[in-house]
Amino acid sequence: MCPLPLAAATVAAPRALLRLLNRGLAAAMSTAGPLKSVDYEVFGRVQGVCFRMYTEDEARKIGVVGWVKNTSKGTVTGQVQGPEDKVNSMKSWLSKIGSPSSRIDRTNFSNEKTISKLEYSNFSIRY
């Protein structure tokens, strides 16, 4: 194999690292049991209390992907995907903990299903 010129190597290295990281994430997800996907809606005082920011942070800590957003009716909705045990941890957090200033009255989960691959590469806040 021919060595890459320095400029090409500096561009190729980050791409190769990203490919390895993505493979590692996929491998870690696949060895952790079946992948699950679930939609959620959180009711209570969940807007204006940094709920989305804390949800994004918790999802990244737990290691799930998906999204979260405010609704026009004052709730927070979204989707979580990942290994079943990690999705269950996130479901518990969405039901019982939330952001420090929030008050969770109830959380509805729907469309829970087993999936063959993740539909998202990270967890994000939607607007």
N, C-alpha and C. Protein backbone atom coordinates (compact mmCIF):
# COMPACT_ATOMS: atom_id res chain seq x y z
N MET A 1 0.84 -1.18 0.00
CA MET A 1 0.00 0.00 0.00
C MET A 1 0.88 1.24 0.00
N CYS A 2 0.56 2.21 -0.82
CA CYS A 2 1.34 3.44 -0.91
C CYS A 2 0.97 4.36 0.22
N PRO A 3 1.95 5.04 0.81
CA PRO A 3 1.62 6.01 1.85
C PRO A 3 0.86 7.19 1.24
N LEU A 4 -0.08 7.71 2.00
CA LEU A 4 -0.85 8.86 1.53
C LEU A 4 -0.04 10.13 1.71
N PRO A 5 -0.20 11.10 0.81
CA PRO A 5 0.42 12.39 1.06
C PRO A 5 -0.13 12.96 2.37
N LEU A 6 0.66 13.80 3.00
CA LEU A 6 0.28 14.34 4.32
C LEU A 6 -1.10 14.99 4.31
N ALA A 7 -1.39 15.81 3.31
CA ALA A 7 -2.70 16.50 3.26
C ALA A 7 -3.84 15.49 3.15
N ALA A 8 -3.66 14.46 2.33
CA ALA A 8 -4.70 13.45 2.18
C ALA A 8 -4.85 12.64 3.46
N ALA A 9 -3.74 12.38 4.14
CA ALA A 9 -3.79 11.61 5.38
C ALA A 9 -4.55 12.35 6.46
N THR A 10 -4.41 13.68 6.52
CA THR A 10 -5.10 14.44 7.56
C THR A 10 -6.60 14.47 7.31
N VAL A 11 -7.01 14.34 6.06
CA VAL A 11 -8.44 14.27 5.74
C VAL A 11 -8.96 12.85 5.93
N ALA A 12 -8.18 11.87 5.52
CA ALA A 12 -8.61 10.47 5.59
C ALA A 12 -8.68 9.96 7.02
N ALA A 13 -7.78 10.40 7.87
CA ALA A 13 -7.73 9.89 9.24
C ALA A 13 -9.04 10.14 9.99
N PRO A 14 -9.59 11.36 9.99
CA PRO A 14 -10.85 11.56 10.71
C PRO A 14 -12.00 10.73 10.12
N ARG A 15 -12.01 10.56 8.80
CA ARG A 15 -13.07 9.75 8.17
C ARG A 15 -12.94 8.31 8.62
N ALA A 16 -11.71 7.79 8.63
CA ALA A 16 -11.49 6.40 9.06
C ALA A 16 -11.88 6.23 10.51
N LEU A 17 -11.55 7.22 11.33
CA LEU A 17 -11.91 7.15 12.75
C LEU A 17 -13.42 7.14 12.92
N LEU A 18 -14.11 7.98 12.16
CA LEU A 18 -15.58 8.00 12.23
C LEU A 18 -16.17 6.67 11.80
N ARG A 19 -15.62 6.05 10.74
CA ARG A 19 -16.12 4.75 10.31
C ARG A 19 -15.93 3.71 11.41
N LEU A 20 -14.76 3.75 12.06
CA LEU A 20 -14.49 2.80 13.14
C LEU A 20 -15.43 3.03 14.32
N LEU A 21 -15.64 4.30 14.66
CA LEU A 21 -16.55 4.61 15.77
C LEU A 21 -17.96 4.16 15.45
N ASN A 22 -18.42 4.40 14.23
CA ASN A 22 -19.77 3.97 13.84
C ASN A 22 -19.89 2.45 13.89
N ARG A 23 -18.85 1.75 13.40
CA ARG A 23 -18.87 0.28 13.47
C ARG A 23 -18.89 -0.18 14.91
N GLY A 24 -18.09 0.50 15.76
CA GLY A 24 -18.04 0.14 17.18
C GLY A 24 -19.39 0.34 17.86
N LEU A 25 -20.05 1.45 17.55
CA LEU A 25 -21.37 1.71 18.12
C LEU A 25 -22.36 0.67 17.65
N ALA A 26 -22.33 0.35 16.36
CA ALA A 26 -23.25 -0.66 15.83
C ALA A 26 -22.97 -2.02 16.46
N ALA A 27 -21.69 -2.35 16.62
CA ALA A 27 -21.33 -3.64 17.24
C ALA A 27 -21.76 -3.67 18.70
N ALA A 28 -21.53 -2.58 19.39
CA ALA A 28 -21.92 -2.52 20.80
C ALA A 28 -23.43 -2.64 20.94
N MET A 29 -24.15 -1.99 20.05
CA MET A 29 -25.61 -2.05 20.08
C MET A 29 -26.09 -3.47 19.76
N SER A 30 -25.45 -4.13 18.79
CA SER A 30 -25.94 -5.43 18.37
C SER A 30 -25.62 -6.52 19.38
N THR A 31 -24.55 -6.35 20.16
CA THR A 31 -24.20 -7.38 21.14
C THR A 31 -24.93 -7.17 22.45
N ALA A 32 -25.63 -6.10 22.59
CA ALA A 32 -26.31 -5.80 23.84
C ALA A 32 -27.76 -6.29 23.86
N GLY A 33 -28.10 -7.20 22.98
CA GLY A 33 -29.46 -7.72 22.94
C GLY A 33 -30.26 -7.07 21.84
N PRO A 34 -31.57 -7.37 21.81
CA PRO A 34 -32.40 -6.83 20.73
C PRO A 34 -32.52 -5.31 20.79
N LEU A 35 -32.62 -4.69 19.63
CA LEU A 35 -32.82 -3.25 19.56
C LEU A 35 -34.31 -2.96 19.66
N LYS A 36 -34.62 -1.93 20.41
CA LYS A 36 -36.02 -1.52 20.61
C LYS A 36 -36.19 -0.08 20.17
N SER A 37 -37.41 0.25 19.81
CA SER A 37 -37.80 1.62 19.49
C SER A 37 -39.11 1.90 20.22
N VAL A 38 -39.23 3.08 20.79
CA VAL A 38 -40.47 3.45 21.48
C VAL A 38 -40.69 4.96 21.34
N ASP A 39 -41.95 5.33 21.11
CA ASP A 39 -42.36 6.73 21.10
C ASP A 39 -42.83 7.09 22.50
N TYR A 40 -42.70 8.36 22.87
CA TYR A 40 -43.13 8.77 24.21
C TYR A 40 -43.72 10.18 24.18
N GLU A 41 -44.57 10.44 25.17
CA GLU A 41 -45.10 11.78 25.41
C GLU A 41 -45.15 11.99 26.91
N VAL A 42 -44.54 13.08 27.36
CA VAL A 42 -44.44 13.37 28.79
C VAL A 42 -45.37 14.53 29.11
N PHE A 43 -46.23 14.33 30.13
CA PHE A 43 -47.22 15.32 30.57
C PHE A 43 -46.81 15.88 31.93
N GLY A 44 -47.16 17.14 32.18
CA GLY A 44 -46.85 17.79 33.45
C GLY A 44 -46.21 19.13 33.18
N ARG A 45 -45.37 19.58 34.11
CA ARG A 45 -44.62 20.82 33.88
C ARG A 45 -43.30 20.43 33.23
N VAL A 46 -43.32 20.35 31.90
CA VAL A 46 -42.16 19.84 31.17
C VAL A 46 -41.66 20.81 30.10
N GLN A 47 -42.29 21.97 29.99
CA GLN A 47 -41.79 23.00 29.08
C GLN A 47 -41.33 24.20 29.90
N GLY A 48 -40.27 24.84 29.45
CA GLY A 48 -39.71 25.98 30.18
C GLY A 48 -38.90 25.56 31.39
N VAL A 49 -38.54 24.29 31.48
CA VAL A 49 -37.76 23.77 32.61
C VAL A 49 -36.54 22.97 32.13
N CYS A 50 -36.08 23.27 30.93
CA CYS A 50 -34.90 22.61 30.32
C CYS A 50 -35.08 21.10 30.17
N PHE A 51 -36.32 20.65 30.04
CA PHE A 51 -36.58 19.21 29.95
C PHE A 51 -35.91 18.59 28.72
N ARG A 52 -35.99 19.26 27.58
CA ARG A 52 -35.40 18.70 26.36
C ARG A 52 -33.88 18.59 26.48
N MET A 53 -33.25 19.62 27.04
CA MET A 53 -31.79 19.60 27.20
C MET A 53 -31.36 18.46 28.13
N TYR A 54 -32.05 18.30 29.24
CA TYR A 54 -31.72 17.22 30.17
C TYR A 54 -32.02 15.84 29.56
N THR A 55 -33.07 15.77 28.74
CA THR A 55 -33.39 14.51 28.07
C THR A 55 -32.29 14.14 27.09
N GLU A 56 -31.85 15.10 26.31
CA GLU A 56 -30.75 14.85 25.37
C GLU A 56 -29.50 14.39 26.12
N ASP A 57 -29.18 15.06 27.21
CA ASP A 57 -27.99 14.71 27.98
C ASP A 57 -28.09 13.30 28.57
N GLU A 58 -29.25 12.98 29.12
CA GLU A 58 -29.45 11.65 29.72
C GLU A 58 -29.41 10.56 28.66
N ALA A 59 -30.01 10.81 27.52
CA ALA A 59 -30.00 9.83 26.43
C ALA A 59 -28.57 9.53 25.99
N ARG A 60 -27.76 10.56 25.90
CA ARG A 60 -26.37 10.36 25.49
C ARG A 60 -25.58 9.61 26.57
N LYS A 61 -25.86 9.91 27.83
CA LYS A 61 -25.20 9.18 28.92
C LYS A 61 -25.57 7.71 28.91
N ILE A 62 -26.85 7.43 28.71
CA ILE A 62 -27.33 6.04 28.71
C ILE A 62 -26.85 5.31 27.46
N GLY A 63 -26.80 6.02 26.34
CA GLY A 63 -26.35 5.41 25.09
C GLY A 63 -27.48 5.01 24.17
N VAL A 64 -28.54 5.84 24.13
CA VAL A 64 -29.64 5.60 23.19
C VAL A 64 -29.65 6.73 22.17
N VAL A 65 -30.36 6.51 21.07
CA VAL A 65 -30.50 7.51 20.02
C VAL A 65 -31.97 7.87 19.86
N GLY A 66 -32.23 8.96 19.13
CA GLY A 66 -33.60 9.38 18.89
C GLY A 66 -33.72 10.89 18.91
N TRP A 67 -34.84 11.37 19.40
CA TRP A 67 -35.10 12.80 19.40
C TRP A 67 -36.13 13.18 20.46
N VAL A 68 -36.21 14.49 20.73
CA VAL A 68 -37.16 15.05 21.68
C VAL A 68 -37.59 16.42 21.17
N LYS A 69 -38.86 16.79 21.40
CA LYS A 69 -39.32 18.14 21.03
C LYS A 69 -40.52 18.54 21.87
N ASN A 70 -40.74 19.84 21.99
CA ASN A 70 -41.94 20.38 22.63
C ASN A 70 -43.11 20.26 21.67
N THR A 71 -44.30 20.12 22.25
CA THR A 71 -45.52 20.13 21.43
C THR A 71 -46.29 21.41 21.70
N SER A 72 -47.26 21.70 20.85
CA SER A 72 -48.08 22.90 21.02
C SER A 72 -49.06 22.76 22.18
N LYS A 73 -49.25 21.53 22.68
CA LYS A 73 -50.20 21.34 23.79
C LYS A 73 -49.51 21.29 25.15
N GLY A 74 -48.22 21.67 25.19
CA GLY A 74 -47.52 21.78 26.47
C GLY A 74 -46.85 20.50 26.96
N THR A 75 -46.77 19.49 26.09
CA THR A 75 -46.10 18.25 26.46
C THR A 75 -44.75 18.19 25.74
N VAL A 76 -44.02 17.15 26.05
CA VAL A 76 -42.77 16.86 25.34
C VAL A 76 -42.93 15.48 24.72
N THR A 77 -42.54 15.35 23.46
CA THR A 77 -42.69 14.09 22.76
C THR A 77 -41.37 13.70 22.10
N GLY A 78 -41.25 12.43 21.73
CA GLY A 78 -40.04 12.00 21.06
C GLY A 78 -40.00 10.51 20.82
N GLN A 79 -38.82 10.05 20.45
CA GLN A 79 -38.61 8.63 20.18
C GLN A 79 -37.24 8.24 20.71
N VAL A 80 -37.15 7.03 21.26
CA VAL A 80 -35.90 6.49 21.78
C VAL A 80 -35.65 5.14 21.10
N GLN A 81 -34.39 4.91 20.70
CA GLN A 81 -34.00 3.63 20.11
C GLN A 81 -32.67 3.18 20.70
N GLY A 82 -32.54 1.87 20.84
CA GLY A 82 -31.29 1.30 21.33
C GLY A 82 -31.51 -0.08 21.89
N PRO A 83 -30.49 -0.64 22.55
CA PRO A 83 -30.66 -1.94 23.20
C PRO A 83 -31.78 -1.88 24.23
N GLU A 84 -32.50 -2.99 24.36
CA GLU A 84 -33.69 -3.02 25.22
C GLU A 84 -33.42 -2.51 26.63
N ASP A 85 -32.31 -2.92 27.25
CA ASP A 85 -32.04 -2.50 28.62
C ASP A 85 -31.81 -0.99 28.73
N LYS A 86 -31.15 -0.42 27.71
CA LYS A 86 -30.90 1.02 27.72
C LYS A 86 -32.18 1.81 27.44
N VAL A 87 -33.02 1.30 26.54
CA VAL A 87 -34.31 1.95 26.28
C VAL A 87 -35.16 1.92 27.56
N ASN A 88 -35.12 0.80 28.28
CA ASN A 88 -35.88 0.71 29.53
C ASN A 88 -35.36 1.71 30.56
N SER A 89 -34.05 1.91 30.62
CA SER A 89 -33.49 2.91 31.54
C SER A 89 -33.98 4.30 31.17
N MET A 90 -34.03 4.60 29.88
CA MET A 90 -34.50 5.91 29.43
C MET A 90 -35.99 6.08 29.71
N LYS A 91 -36.76 5.01 29.54
CA LYS A 91 -38.19 5.07 29.85
C LYS A 91 -38.40 5.39 31.33
N SER A 92 -37.62 4.78 32.18
CA SER A 92 -37.72 5.05 33.61
C SER A 92 -37.38 6.51 33.91
N TRP A 93 -36.33 7.02 33.30
CA TRP A 93 -35.93 8.42 33.51
C TRP A 93 -37.04 9.37 33.04
N LEU A 94 -37.63 9.07 31.88
CA LEU A 94 -38.71 9.92 31.34
C LEU A 94 -39.97 9.86 32.20
N SER A 95 -40.16 8.78 32.92
CA SER A 95 -41.36 8.61 33.75
C SER A 95 -41.21 9.16 35.16
N LYS A 96 -39.98 9.12 35.68
CA LYS A 96 -39.80 9.38 37.12
C LYS A 96 -38.87 10.53 37.47
N ILE A 97 -37.94 10.88 36.58
CA ILE A 97 -36.90 11.84 36.99
C ILE A 97 -37.03 13.16 36.25
N GLY A 98 -36.73 13.19 34.96
CA GLY A 98 -36.83 14.42 34.18
C GLY A 98 -35.81 15.46 34.61
N SER A 99 -36.03 16.69 34.21
CA SER A 99 -35.12 17.78 34.59
C SER A 99 -35.41 18.20 36.03
N PRO A 100 -34.44 18.84 36.69
CA PRO A 100 -34.61 19.20 38.11
C PRO A 100 -35.86 20.02 38.42
N SER A 101 -36.25 20.92 37.51
CA SER A 101 -37.40 21.79 37.78
C SER A 101 -38.71 21.26 37.20
N SER A 102 -38.66 20.10 36.57
CA SER A 102 -39.88 19.57 35.95
C SER A 102 -40.76 18.87 36.98
N ARG A 103 -42.01 18.67 36.58
CA ARG A 103 -42.94 17.83 37.34
C ARG A 103 -43.59 16.90 36.33
N ILE A 104 -43.32 15.63 36.45
CA ILE A 104 -43.87 14.65 35.51
C ILE A 104 -45.16 14.09 36.10
N ASP A 105 -46.29 14.36 35.44
CA ASP A 105 -47.57 13.81 35.88
C ASP A 105 -47.76 12.40 35.34
N ARG A 106 -47.43 12.21 34.08
CA ARG A 106 -47.48 10.87 33.48
C ARG A 106 -46.68 10.87 32.19
N THR A 107 -46.29 9.68 31.78
CA THR A 107 -45.60 9.50 30.51
C THR A 107 -46.28 8.36 29.76
N ASN A 108 -46.70 8.64 28.53
CA ASN A 108 -47.31 7.61 27.69
C ASN A 108 -46.26 7.08 26.72
N PHE A 109 -46.19 5.75 26.63
CA PHE A 109 -45.30 5.11 25.67
C PHE A 109 -46.15 4.39 24.64
N SER A 110 -45.75 4.47 23.38
CA SER A 110 -46.53 3.83 22.31
C SER A 110 -45.58 3.33 21.22
N ASN A 111 -46.13 2.51 20.35
CA ASN A 111 -45.38 1.98 19.20
C ASN A 111 -44.08 1.31 19.61
N GLU A 112 -44.07 0.63 20.75
CA GLU A 112 -42.85 -0.07 21.16
C GLU A 112 -42.69 -1.31 20.28
N LYS A 113 -41.49 -1.43 19.70
CA LYS A 113 -41.26 -2.55 18.78
C LYS A 113 -39.78 -2.90 18.73
N THR A 114 -39.51 -4.11 18.29
CA THR A 114 -38.15 -4.55 18.03
C THR A 114 -37.77 -4.08 16.63
N ILE A 115 -36.56 -3.56 16.49
CA ILE A 115 -36.08 -3.08 15.19
C ILE A 115 -34.78 -3.81 14.84
N SER A 116 -34.49 -3.87 13.54
CA SER A 116 -33.28 -4.58 13.10
C SER A 116 -32.06 -3.67 13.10
N LYS A 117 -32.28 -2.35 12.94
CA LYS A 117 -31.16 -1.40 12.98
C LYS A 117 -31.67 -0.05 13.46
N LEU A 118 -30.75 0.76 13.97
CA LEU A 118 -31.10 2.09 14.46
C LEU A 118 -31.43 3.01 13.29
N GLU A 119 -32.42 3.87 13.48
CA GLU A 119 -32.81 4.82 12.45
C GLU A 119 -32.13 6.18 12.62
N TYR A 120 -31.43 6.37 13.74
CA TYR A 120 -30.76 7.65 14.05
C TYR A 120 -29.31 7.33 14.44
N SER A 121 -28.45 8.33 14.28
CA SER A 121 -27.05 8.14 14.66
C SER A 121 -26.72 8.80 15.99
N ASN A 122 -27.64 9.62 16.51
CA ASN A 122 -27.43 10.28 17.79
C ASN A 122 -28.78 10.65 18.40
N PHE A 123 -28.75 11.40 19.48
CA PHE A 123 -29.98 11.89 20.09
C PHE A 123 -29.99 13.41 19.93
N SER A 124 -31.11 13.94 19.45
CA SER A 124 -31.15 15.38 19.16
C SER A 124 -32.44 16.02 19.63
N ILE A 125 -32.36 17.34 19.78
CA ILE A 125 -33.53 18.16 20.08
C ILE A 125 -34.10 18.65 18.76
N ARG A 126 -35.39 18.44 18.57
CA ARG A 126 -36.07 18.95 17.36
C ARG A 126 -36.86 20.20 17.73
N TYR A 127 -37.05 21.06 16.72
CA TYR A 127 -37.79 22.30 16.94
C TYR A 127 -38.97 22.41 16.01
